[in-house]
PDB file of N, CA and C in Angstrom:
ATOM      1  N   MET A   1     -16.240  16.529  -5.744  1.00  0.00           N
ATOM      2  CA  MET A   1     -15.097  16.327  -6.584  1.00  0.00           C
ATOM      3  C   MET A   1     -14.484  14.985  -6.204  1.00  0.00           C
ATOM      4  N   SER A   2     -13.973  14.287  -7.194  1.00  0.00           N
ATOM      5  CA  SER A   2     -13.336  13.003  -6.913  1.00  0.00           C
ATOM      6  C   SER A   2     -11.867  13.047  -7.314  1.00  0.00           C
ATOM      7  N   PHE A   3     -11.099  12.231  -6.626  1.00  0.00           N
ATOM      8  CA  PHE A   3      -9.659  12.141  -6.849  1.00  0.00           C
ATOM      9  C   PHE A   3      -9.307  10.691  -7.121  1.00  0.00           C
ATOM     10  N   GLU A   4      -8.285  10.494  -7.961  1.00  0.00           N
ATOM     11  CA  GLU A   4      -7.842   9.123  -8.214  1.00  0.00           C
ATOM     12  C   GLU A   4      -6.342   9.101  -8.447  1.00  0.00           C
ATOM     13  N   GLY A   5      -5.757   7.941  -8.197  1.00  0.00           N
ATOM     14  CA  GLY A   5      -4.327   7.777  -8.412  1.00  0.00           C
ATOM     15  C   GLY A   5      -3.522   8.361  -7.275  1.00  0.00           C
ATOM     16  N   ARG A   6      -2.434   9.020  -7.648  1.00  0.00           N
ATOM     17  CA  ARG A   6      -1.503   9.592  -6.680  1.00  0.00           C
ATOM     18  C   ARG A   6      -1.683  11.103  -6.590  1.00  0.00           C
ATOM     19  N   PHE A   7      -1.876  11.585  -5.388  1.00  0.00           N
ATOM     20  CA  PHE A   7      -2.009  13.019  -5.156  1.00  0.00           C
ATOM     21  C   PHE A   7      -0.677  13.494  -4.572  1.00  0.00           C
ATOM     22  N   ASP A   8       0.324  13.595  -5.458  1.00  0.00           N
ATOM     23  CA  ASP A   8       1.652  14.027  -5.047  1.00  0.00           C
ATOM     24  C   ASP A   8       1.857  15.491  -5.421  1.00  0.00           C
ATOM     25  N   ALA A   9       3.080  15.985  -5.280  1.00  0.00           N
ATOM     26  CA  ALA A   9       3.360  17.405  -5.535  1.00  0.00           C
ATOM     27  C   ALA A   9       3.002  17.801  -6.964  1.00  0.00           C
ATOM     28  N   THR A  10       3.293  16.942  -7.923  1.00  0.00           N
ATOM     29  CA  THR A  10       2.984  17.242  -9.320  1.00  0.00           C
ATOM     30  C   THR A  10       1.475  17.299  -9.545  1.00  0.00           C
ATOM     31  N   ALA A  11       0.762  16.326  -9.016  1.00  0.00           N
ATOM     32  CA  ALA A  11      -0.696  16.299  -9.166  1.00  0.00           C
ATOM     33  C   ALA A  11      -1.355  17.454  -8.424  1.00  0.00           C
ATOM     34  N   ALA A  12      -0.738  17.893  -7.331  1.00  0.00           N
ATOM     35  CA  ALA A  12      -1.320  18.975  -6.534  1.00  0.00           C
ATOM     36  C   ALA A  12      -1.392  20.277  -7.327  1.00  0.00           C
ATOM     37  N   ILE A  13      -0.432  20.487  -8.223  1.00  0.00           N
ATOM     38  CA  ILE A  13      -0.445  21.701  -9.041  1.00  0.00           C
ATOM     39  C   ILE A  13      -1.697  21.747  -9.905  1.00  0.00           C
ATOM     40  N   GLN A  14      -2.005  20.646 -10.574  1.00  0.00           N
ATOM     41  CA  GLN A  14      -3.202  20.576 -11.414  1.00  0.00           C
ATOM     42  C   GLN A  14      -4.467  20.560 -10.555  1.00  0.00           C
ATOM     43  N   ALA A  15      -4.420  19.835  -9.459  1.00  0.00           N
ATOM     44  CA  ALA A  15      -5.594  19.743  -8.588  1.00  0.00           C
ATOM     45  C   ALA A  15      -5.973  21.103  -8.027  1.00  0.00           C
ATOM     46  N   GLU A  16      -4.977  21.914  -7.707  1.00  0.00           N
ATOM     47  CA  GLU A  16      -5.265  23.245  -7.168  1.00  0.00           C
ATOM     48  C   GLU A  16      -6.059  24.072  -8.174  1.00  0.00           C
ATOM     49  N   LYS A  17      -5.724  23.932  -9.440  1.00  0.00           N
ATOM     50  CA  LYS A  17      -6.483  24.639 -10.483  1.00  0.00           C
ATOM     51  C   LYS A  17      -7.904  24.100 -10.563  1.00  0.00           C
ATOM     52  N   SER A  18      -8.038  22.783 -10.515  1.00  0.00           N
ATOM     53  CA  SER A  18      -9.365  22.162 -10.597  1.00  0.00           C
ATOM     54  C   SER A  18     -10.213  22.464  -9.375  1.00  0.00           C
ATOM     55  N   MET A  19      -9.559  22.623  -8.228  1.00  0.00           N
ATOM     56  CA  MET A  19     -10.276  22.852  -6.978  1.00  0.00           C
ATOM     57  C   MET A  19     -10.668  24.314  -6.793  1.00  0.00           C
ATOM     58  N   LYS A  20     -10.240  25.178  -7.685  1.00  0.00           N
ATOM     59  CA  LYS A  20     -10.538  26.607  -7.556  1.00  0.00           C
ATOM     60  C   LYS A  20     -12.040  26.846  -7.393  1.00  0.00           C
ATOM     61  N   VAL A  21     -12.834  26.118  -8.141  1.00  0.00           N
ATOM     62  CA  VAL A  21     -14.287  26.276  -8.051  1.00  0.00           C
ATOM     63  C   VAL A  21     -14.787  25.918  -6.648  1.00  0.00           C
ATOM     64  N   LEU A  22     -14.117  24.968  -5.980  1.00  0.00           N
ATOM     65  CA  LEU A  22     -14.519  24.610  -4.623  1.00  0.00           C
ATOM     66  C   LEU A  22     -14.155  25.717  -3.639  1.00  0.00           C
ATOM     67  N   PHE A  23     -13.002  26.345  -3.845  1.00  0.00           N
ATOM     68  CA  PHE A  23     -12.598  27.449  -2.975  1.00  0.00           C
ATOM     69  C   PHE A  23     -13.550  28.640  -3.127  1.00  0.00           C
ATOM     70  N   GLU A  24     -14.136  28.771  -4.295  1.00  0.00           N
ATOM     71  CA  GLU A  24     -15.054  29.876  -4.557  1.00  0.00           C
ATOM     72  C   GLU A  24     -16.496  29.529  -4.214  1.00  0.00           C
ATOM     73  N   SER A  25     -16.755  28.284  -3.861  1.00  0.00           N
ATOM     74  CA  SER A  25     -18.103  27.804  -3.586  1.00  0.00           C
ATOM     75  C   SER A  25     -18.720  28.534  -2.401  1.00  0.00           C
ATOM     76  N   CYS A  26     -19.977  28.856  -2.548  1.00  0.00           N
ATOM     77  CA  CYS A  26     -20.743  29.479  -1.467  1.00  0.00           C
ATOM     78  C   CYS A  26     -22.092  28.780  -1.374  1.00  0.00           C
ATOM     79  N   GLY A  27     -22.500  28.455  -0.174  1.00  0.00           N
ATOM     80  CA  GLY A  27     -23.831  27.914   0.036  1.00  0.00           C
ATOM     81  C   GLY A  27     -23.977  26.424  -0.181  1.00  0.00           C
ATOM     82  N   HIS A  28     -22.900  25.730  -0.539  1.00  0.00           N
ATOM     83  CA  HIS A  28     -22.991  24.286  -0.771  1.00  0.00           C
ATOM     84  C   HIS A  28     -21.896  23.571   0.002  1.00  0.00           C
ATOM     85  N   ASP A  29     -22.283  22.544   0.733  1.00  0.00           N
ATOM     86  CA  ASP A  29     -21.287  21.715   1.390  1.00  0.00           C
ATOM     87  C   ASP A  29     -20.466  20.995   0.327  1.00  0.00           C
ATOM     88  N   ILE A  30     -19.277  20.551   0.692  1.00  0.00           N
ATOM     89  CA  ILE A  30     -18.354  19.947  -0.270  1.00  0.00           C
ATOM     90  C   ILE A  30     -18.054  18.519   0.151  1.00  0.00           C
ATOM     91  N   ILE A  31     -18.123  17.611  -0.809  1.00  0.00           N
ATOM     92  CA  ILE A  31     -17.760  16.212  -0.592  1.00  0.00           C
ATOM     93  C   ILE A  31     -16.612  15.884  -1.528  1.00  0.00           C
ATOM     94  N   LEU A  32     -15.526  15.368  -0.946  1.00  0.00           N
ATOM     95  CA  LEU A  32     -14.382  14.930  -1.740  1.00  0.00           C
ATOM     96  C   LEU A  32     -14.351  13.413  -1.733  1.00  0.00           C
ATOM     97  N   ASP A  33     -14.524  12.812  -2.901  1.00  0.00           N
ATOM     98  CA  ASP A  33     -14.528  11.355  -3.046  1.00  0.00           C
ATOM     99  C   ASP A  33     -13.098  10.889  -3.266  1.00  0.00           C
ATOM    100  N   CYS A  34     -12.582  10.147  -2.305  1.00  0.00           N
ATOM    101  CA  CYS A  34     -11.203   9.661  -2.355  1.00  0.00           C
ATOM    102  C   CYS A  34     -11.138   8.150  -2.569  1.00  0.00           C
ATOM    103  N   SER A  35     -12.223   7.559  -3.042  1.00  0.00           N
ATOM    104  CA  SER A  35     -12.287   6.100  -3.170  1.00  0.00           C
ATOM    105  C   SER A  35     -11.297   5.550  -4.194  1.00  0.00           C
ATOM    106  N   LYS A  36     -10.849   6.362  -5.132  1.00  0.00           N
ATOM    107  CA  LYS A  36      -9.876   5.904  -6.133  1.00  0.00           C
ATOM    108  C   LYS A  36      -8.493   6.511  -5.908  1.00  0.00           C
ATOM    109  N   LEU A  37      -8.320   7.166  -4.771  1.00  0.00           N
ATOM    110  CA  LEU A  37      -7.048   7.781  -4.425  1.00  0.00           C
ATOM    111  C   LEU A  37      -6.185   6.740  -3.720  1.00  0.00           C
ATOM    112  N   VAL A  38      -4.944   6.555  -4.195  1.00  0.00           N
ATOM    113  CA  VAL A  38      -4.077   5.534  -3.607  1.00  0.00           C
ATOM    114  C   VAL A  38      -2.934   6.123  -2.780  1.00  0.00           C
ATOM    115  N   TYR A  39      -2.686   7.418  -2.938  1.00  0.00           N
ATOM    116  CA  TYR A  39      -1.574   8.058  -2.228  1.00  0.00           C
ATOM    117  C   TYR A  39      -1.852   9.547  -2.112  1.00  0.00           C
ATOM    118  N   ILE A  40      -1.465  10.130  -0.985  1.00  0.00           N
ATOM    119  CA  ILE A  40      -1.552  11.583  -0.831  1.00  0.00           C
ATOM    120  C   ILE A  40      -0.284  12.077  -0.144  1.00  0.00           C
ATOM    121  N   SER A  41       0.331  13.072  -0.736  1.00  0.00           N
ATOM    122  CA  SER A  41       1.557  13.658  -0.182  1.00  0.00           C
ATOM    123  C   SER A  41       1.196  14.849   0.699  1.00  0.00           C
ATOM    124  N   SER A  42       2.218  15.454   1.265  1.00  0.00           N
ATOM    125  CA  SER A  42       1.986  16.640   2.093  1.00  0.00           C
ATOM    126  C   SER A  42       1.391  17.772   1.259  1.00  0.00           C
ATOM    127  N   SER A  43       1.705  17.821  -0.030  1.00  0.00           N
ATOM    128  CA  SER A  43       1.126  18.843  -0.916  1.00  0.00           C
ATOM    129  C   SER A  43      -0.383  18.659  -1.044  1.00  0.00           C
ATOM    130  N   GLY A  44      -0.810  17.420  -1.181  1.00  0.00           N
ATOM    131  CA  GLY A  44      -2.239  17.124  -1.252  1.00  0.00           C
ATOM    132  C   GLY A  44      -2.935  17.422   0.062  1.00  0.00           C
ATOM    133  N   LEU A  45      -2.294  17.046   1.154  1.00  0.00           N
ATOM    134  CA  LEU A  45      -2.861  17.334   2.474  1.00  0.00           C
ATOM    135  C   LEU A  45      -2.989  18.838   2.691  1.00  0.00           C
ATOM    136  N   ARG A  46      -1.998  19.585   2.222  1.00  0.00           N
ATOM    137  CA  ARG A  46      -2.034  21.043   2.356  1.00  0.00           C
ATOM    138  C   ARG A  46      -3.237  21.627   1.618  1.00  0.00           C
ATOM    139  N   LEU A  47      -3.515  21.117   0.410  1.00  0.00           N
ATOM    140  CA  LEU A  47      -4.670  21.605  -0.342  1.00  0.00           C
ATOM    141  C   LEU A  47      -5.977  21.263   0.366  1.00  0.00           C
ATOM    142  N   PHE A  48      -6.076  20.048   0.878  1.00  0.00           N
ATOM    143  CA  PHE A  48      -7.281  19.652   1.602  1.00  0.00           C
ATOM    144  C   PHE A  48      -7.473  20.538   2.828  1.00  0.00           C
ATOM    145  N   LEU A  49      -6.386  20.814   3.558  1.00  0.00           N
ATOM    146  CA  LEU A  49      -6.481  21.645   4.748  1.00  0.00           C
ATOM    147  C   LEU A  49      -6.888  23.074   4.385  1.00  0.00           C
ATOM    148  N   GLY A  50      -6.324  23.601   3.312  1.00  0.00           N
ATOM    149  CA  GLY A  50      -6.702  24.946   2.867  1.00  0.00           C
ATOM    150  C   GLY A  50      -8.168  25.018   2.496  1.00  0.00           C
ATOM    151  N   LEU A  51      -8.651  23.980   1.822  1.00  0.00           N
ATOM    152  CA  LEU A  51     -10.062  23.938   1.444  1.00  0.00           C
ATOM    153  C   LEU A  51     -10.949  23.822   2.679  1.00  0.00           C
ATOM    154  N   LEU A  52     -10.513  23.046   3.668  1.00  0.00           N
ATOM    155  CA  LEU A  52     -11.278  22.919   4.908  1.00  0.00           C
ATOM    156  C   LEU A  52     -11.386  24.270   5.613  1.00  0.00           C
ATOM    157  N   LYS A  53     -10.273  24.962   5.747  1.00  0.00           N
ATOM    158  CA  LYS A  53     -10.280  26.272   6.404  1.00  0.00           C
ATOM    159  C   LYS A  53     -11.167  27.257   5.657  1.00  0.00           C
ATOM    160  N   ASN A  54     -11.069  27.244   4.335  1.00  0.00           N
ATOM    161  CA  ASN A  54     -11.885  28.123   3.502  1.00  0.00           C
ATOM    162  C   ASN A  54     -13.369  27.803   3.681  1.00  0.00           C
ATOM    163  N   SER A  55     -13.704  26.533   3.696  1.00  0.00           N
ATOM    164  CA  SER A  55     -15.102  26.107   3.850  1.00  0.00           C
ATOM    165  C   SER A  55     -15.653  26.504   5.212  1.00  0.00           C
ATOM    166  N   MET A  56     -14.860  26.266   6.245  1.00  0.00           N
ATOM    167  CA  MET A  56     -15.311  26.594   7.598  1.00  0.00           C
ATOM    168  C   MET A  56     -15.541  28.095   7.746  1.00  0.00           C
ATOM    169  N   ALA A  57     -14.702  28.897   7.129  1.00  0.00           N
ATOM    170  CA  ALA A  57     -14.859  30.348   7.196  1.00  0.00           C
ATOM    171  C   ALA A  57     -16.170  30.803   6.558  1.00  0.00           C
ATOM    172  N   LYS A  58     -16.670  30.014   5.613  1.00  0.00           N
ATOM    173  CA  LYS A  58     -17.930  30.333   4.937  1.00  0.00           C
ATOM    174  C   LYS A  58     -19.122  29.622   5.573  1.00  0.00           C
ATOM    175  N   GLY A  59     -18.870  28.847   6.618  1.00  0.00           N
ATOM    176  CA  GLY A  59     -19.946  28.114   7.273  1.00  0.00           C
ATOM    177  C   GLY A  59     -20.359  26.862   6.524  1.00  0.00           C
ATOM    178  N   LEU A  60     -19.487  26.363   5.661  1.00  0.00           N
ATOM    179  CA  LEU A  60     -19.772  25.160   4.879  1.00  0.00           C
ATOM    180  C   LEU A  60     -19.099  23.951   5.519  1.00  0.00           C
ATOM    181  N   ARG A  61     -19.650  22.783   5.251  1.00  0.00           N
ATOM    182  CA  ARG A  61     -19.038  21.544   5.724  1.00  0.00           C
ATOM    183  C   ARG A  61     -18.277  20.888   4.585  1.00  0.00           C
ATOM    184  N   LEU A  62     -17.141  20.311   4.925  1.00  0.00           N
ATOM    185  CA  LEU A  62     -16.345  19.555   3.966  1.00  0.00           C
ATOM    186  C   LEU A  62     -16.234  18.137   4.482  1.00  0.00           C
ATOM    187  N   ARG A  63     -16.511  17.182   3.637  1.00  0.00           N
ATOM    188  CA  ARG A  63     -16.484  15.776   4.035  1.00  0.00           C
ATOM    189  C   ARG A  63     -15.631  14.993   3.061  1.00  0.00           C
ATOM    190  N   LEU A  64     -14.794  14.103   3.585  1.00  0.00           N
ATOM    191  CA  LEU A  64     -14.002  13.193   2.766  1.00  0.00           C
ATOM    192  C   LEU A  64     -14.641  11.815   2.843  1.00  0.00           C
ATOM    193  N   VAL A  65     -14.862  11.197   1.711  1.00  0.00           N
ATOM    194  CA  VAL A  65     -15.470   9.867   1.685  1.00  0.00           C
ATOM    195  C   VAL A  65     -14.588   8.914   0.885  1.00  0.00           C
ATOM    196  N   GLY A  66     -14.706   7.640   1.197  1.00  0.00           N
ATOM    197  CA  GLY A  66     -14.037   6.603   0.420  1.00  0.00           C
ATOM    198  C   GLY A  66     -12.556   6.431   0.689  1.00  0.00           C
ATOM    199  N   LEU A  67     -12.071   6.904   1.840  1.00  0.00           N
ATOM    200  CA  LEU A  67     -10.643   6.752   2.136  1.00  0.00           C
ATOM    201  C   LEU A  67     -10.291   5.283   2.367  1.00  0.00           C
ATOM    202  N   SER A  68      -9.216   4.826   1.740  1.00  0.00           N
ATOM    203  CA  SER A  68      -8.723   3.465   1.966  1.00  0.00           C
ATOM    204  C   SER A  68      -8.113   3.391   3.363  1.00  0.00           C
ATOM    205  N   ASP A  69      -7.847   2.184   3.822  1.00  0.00           N
ATOM    206  CA  ASP A  69      -7.218   2.021   5.134  1.00  0.00           C
ATOM    207  C   ASP A  69      -5.858   2.701   5.178  1.00  0.00           C
ATOM    208  N   ASP A  70      -5.101   2.623   4.085  1.00  0.00           N
ATOM    209  CA  ASP A  70      -3.784   3.275   4.035  1.00  0.00           C
ATOM    210  C   ASP A  70      -3.919   4.787   4.177  1.00  0.00           C
ATOM    211  N   LEU A  71      -4.878   5.372   3.482  1.00  0.00           N
ATOM    212  CA  LEU A  71      -5.068   6.815   3.575  1.00  0.00           C
ATOM    213  C   LEU A  71      -5.607   7.214   4.944  1.00  0.00           C
ATOM    214  N   LYS A  72      -6.452   6.388   5.529  1.00  0.00           N
ATOM    215  CA  LYS A  72      -6.940   6.672   6.879  1.00  0.00           C
ATOM    216  C   LYS A  72      -5.777   6.709   7.864  1.00  0.00           C
ATOM    217  N   ARG A  73      -4.793   5.810   7.669  1.00  0.00           N
ATOM    218  CA  ARG A  73      -3.614   5.815   8.540  1.00  0.00           C
ATOM    219  C   ARG A  73      -2.832   7.118   8.392  1.00  0.00           C
ATOM    220  N   VAL A  74      -2.719   7.617   7.156  1.00  0.00           N
ATOM    221  CA  VAL A  74      -2.042   8.893   6.925  1.00  0.00           C
ATOM    222  C   VAL A  74      -2.772  10.006   7.670  1.00  0.00           C
ATOM    223  N   PHE A  75      -4.094  10.022   7.559  1.00  0.00           N
ATOM    224  CA  PHE A  75      -4.878  11.050   8.233  1.00  0.00           C
ATOM    225  C   PHE A  75      -4.789  10.903   9.752  1.00  0.00           C
ATOM    226  N   ASP A  76      -4.740   9.670  10.246  1.00  0.00           N
ATOM    227  CA  ASP A  76      -4.576   9.450  11.688  1.00  0.00           C
ATOM    228  C   ASP A  76      -3.199   9.928  12.153  1.00  0.00           C
ATOM    229  N   THR A  77      -2.164   9.578  11.405  1.00  0.00           N
ATOM    230  CA  THR A  77      -0.796   9.930  11.773  1.00  0.00           C
ATOM    231  C   THR A  77      -0.581  11.440  11.794  1.00  0.00           C
ATOM    232  N   THR A  78      -1.172  12.134  10.837  1.00  0.00           N
ATOM    233  CA  THR A  78      -1.001  13.586  10.748  1.00  0.00           C
ATOM    234  C   THR A  78      -1.947  14.349  11.666  1.00  0.00           C
ATOM    235  N   GLY A  79      -2.907  13.645  12.259  1.00  0.00           N
ATOM    236  CA  GLY A  79      -3.893  14.298  13.108  1.00  0.00           C
ATOM    237  C   GLY A  79      -5.064  14.874  12.321  1.00  0.00           C
ATOM    238  N   PHE A  80      -5.027  14.705  11.001  1.00  0.00           N
ATOM    239  CA  PHE A  80      -6.094  15.252  10.166  1.00  0.00           C
ATOM    240  C   PHE A  80      -7.431  14.534  10.377  1.00  0.00           C
ATOM    241  N   SER A  81      -7.384  13.293  10.847  1.00  0.00           N
ATOM    242  CA  SER A  81      -8.647  12.584  11.088  1.00  0.00           C
ATOM    243  C   SER A  81      -9.448  13.254  12.210  1.00  0.00           C
ATOM    244  N   GLN A  82      -8.768  14.055  13.037  1.00  0.00           N
ATOM    245  CA  GLN A  82      -9.440  14.765  14.121  1.00  0.00           C
ATOM    246  C   GLN A  82     -10.129  16.044  13.649  1.00  0.00           C
ATOM    247  N   ILE A  83      -9.711  16.573  12.507  1.00  0.00           N
ATOM    248  CA  ILE A  83     -10.281  17.844  12.052  1.00  0.00           C
ATOM    249  C   ILE A  83     -11.160  17.714  10.811  1.00  0.00           C
ATOM    250  N   PHE A  84     -11.025  16.603  10.090  1.00  0.00           N
ATOM    251  CA  PHE A  84     -11.852  16.374   8.897  1.00  0.00           C
ATOM    252  C   PHE A  84     -12.999  15.444   9.237  1.00  0.00           C
ATOM    253  N   HIS A  85     -14.116  15.628   8.543  1.00  0.00           N
ATOM    254  CA  HIS A  85     -15.236  14.676   8.642  1.00  0.00           C
ATOM    255  C   HIS A  85     -14.934  13.568   7.644  1.00  0.00           C
ATOM    256  N   LEU A  86     -14.634  12.370   8.174  1.00  0.00           N
ATOM    257  CA  LEU A  86     -14.305  11.221   7.316  1.00  0.00           C
ATOM    258  C   LEU A  86     -15.474  10.276   7.223  1.00  0.00           C
TER     259      LEU A  86
END
């Protein structure tokens, strides 16, 4: 799945609906393409974390690709870079 623009509280509502298929995924690792994502709020981070926990419980790997330097700083600051495969 790919993301673009701003992943703020408003976008997270729609993204959660779109990501439902990923939460239900079985047997396939998940790659989230963030190369066109320019901002992520705590709501977006919460969804990513929920998806990571769900994936790990199923024995699946979740990988984030294409993070900009700004987004990498957000992940570093929140400690998420330590738990996500970037």
